[in-house]
Amino acid sequence: MLAEDIIKRPILLTEKASRLREDHHQVIFEVALKANKIQIKDAVEKLFGVGVVAVNTSNVRGKERRMGRGHGKLQNWKKAVVTLKEGDDIQFYDEEAE
């Protein structure tokens, strides 16, 4: 798998994600379901040029939702919490301008 296929998107806009980022140097990503911890670590180091200390993953089950008169289910997805080395940081957007 390519690094671009492993890392789907960062999860930034939740309170837990911002607290982990500020206090513990951790970043949360949505990753491919078949990716393992070693592949996730290599992909983050390659794409963002930072050092990775640890990777914790969890499979998140999709929720049941109403879709019109019927019921549907959102897709399952995998979440990865990546711990960065001390002093490393990932800037996703221009945070210095705020």
Protein backbone atom coordinates (compact mmCIF):
# COMPACT_ATOMS: atom_id res chain seq x y z
CA MET A 1 0.00 0.00 0.00
CA LEU A 2 1.13 3.54 -0.71
CA ALA A 3 1.45 6.07 2.09
CA GLU A 4 -1.28 8.20 0.50
CA ASP A 5 -3.65 5.21 0.55
CA ILE A 6 -2.96 4.39 4.21
CA ILE A 7 -3.61 7.85 5.72
CA LYS A 8 -7.11 8.98 4.70
CA ARG A 9 -7.64 12.14 6.75
CA PRO A 10 -6.67 13.77 10.04
CA ILE A 11 -9.29 14.15 12.76
CA LEU A 12 -8.75 17.62 14.19
CA LEU A 13 -12.02 19.23 15.13
CA THR A 14 -12.96 17.24 18.22
CA GLU A 15 -12.22 18.25 21.78
CA LYS A 16 -10.38 15.02 22.50
CA ALA A 17 -8.18 15.40 19.40
CA SER A 18 -7.19 18.95 20.29
CA ARG A 19 -6.50 18.01 23.94
CA LEU A 20 -4.32 15.05 22.92
CA ARG A 21 -2.45 17.23 20.46
CA GLU A 22 -1.68 19.97 22.98
CA ASP A 23 -0.94 17.86 26.06
CA HIS A 24 0.52 14.59 24.78
CA HIS A 25 1.94 15.32 21.27
CA GLN A 26 -0.56 12.89 19.70
CA VAL A 27 -2.42 13.23 16.39
CA ILE A 28 -5.50 11.24 15.33
CA PHE A 29 -5.96 9.94 11.78
CA GLU A 30 -8.54 7.93 9.91
CA VAL A 31 -6.59 5.15 8.20
CA ALA A 32 -7.25 2.24 5.84
CA LEU A 33 -8.97 -0.75 7.44
CA LYS A 34 -6.24 -3.18 6.35
CA ALA A 35 -3.30 -1.02 7.48
CA ASN A 36 -1.25 -2.23 10.44
CA LYS A 37 0.72 -0.17 12.96
CA ILE A 38 4.05 -0.49 11.16
CA GLN A 39 2.55 0.70 7.86
CA ILE A 40 0.84 3.63 9.61
CA LYS A 41 4.10 4.65 11.32
CA ASP A 42 6.05 4.54 8.04
CA ALA A 43 3.32 6.49 6.21
CA VAL A 44 3.20 9.31 8.80
CA GLU A 45 7.00 9.61 8.87
CA LYS A 46 7.15 9.71 5.06
CA LEU A 47 4.26 12.12 4.46
CA PHE A 48 4.89 14.62 7.26
CA GLY A 49 8.62 14.24 8.00
CA VAL A 50 8.22 13.71 11.75
CA GLY A 51 9.38 11.03 14.18
CA VAL A 52 6.80 8.59 15.49
CA VAL A 53 7.17 7.02 18.95
CA ALA A 54 4.02 4.87 19.08
CA VAL A 55 0.84 4.04 17.16
CA ASN A 56 -2.41 2.92 18.79
CA THR A 57 -5.27 1.75 16.59
CA SER A 58 -8.94 0.96 17.08
CA ASN A 59 -11.70 -0.22 14.78
CA VAL A 60 -14.75 2.03 14.97
CA ARG A 61 -18.08 0.41 14.12
CA GLY A 62 -20.43 2.29 11.82
CA LYS A 63 -23.59 3.68 13.36
CA GLU A 64 -27.14 2.72 12.47
CA ARG A 65 -28.87 5.67 10.73
CA ARG A 66 -32.29 6.43 9.31
CA MET A 67 -32.25 6.95 5.56
CA GLY A 68 -35.70 8.05 4.51
CA ARG A 69 -38.22 5.45 5.65
CA GLY A 70 -35.61 2.73 5.88
CA HIS A 71 -32.59 2.07 8.02
CA GLY A 72 -28.98 2.04 6.95
CA LYS A 73 -25.56 1.58 8.47
CA LEU A 74 -22.51 3.80 8.07
CA GLN A 75 -19.25 2.11 7.14
CA ASN A 76 -16.81 0.79 9.72
CA TRP A 77 -13.50 2.65 9.87
CA LYS A 78 -10.14 2.49 11.63
CA LYS A 79 -8.74 5.21 13.87
CA ALA A 80 -5.03 5.62 14.64
CA VAL A 81 -3.63 7.71 17.50
CA VAL A 82 -0.02 8.56 16.59
CA THR A 83 2.40 9.74 19.30
CA LEU A 84 5.05 12.08 17.91
CA LYS A 85 8.59 12.58 19.18
CA GLU A 86 9.16 15.44 21.59
CA GLY A 87 9.59 18.67 19.63
CA ASP A 88 7.93 17.39 16.42
CA ASP A 89 4.61 18.83 15.28
CA ILE A 90 2.37 18.52 12.24
CA GLN A 91 0.85 21.75 10.89
CA PHE A 92 -2.28 20.88 8.88
CA TYR A 93 -3.33 24.47 8.21
CA ASP A 94 -2.02 27.94 9.00
CA GLU A 95 -2.45 27.88 12.79
CA GLU A 96 0.03 30.70 13.38
CA ALA A 97 -2.29 33.26 11.76
CA GLU A 98 -4.97 32.79 14.43
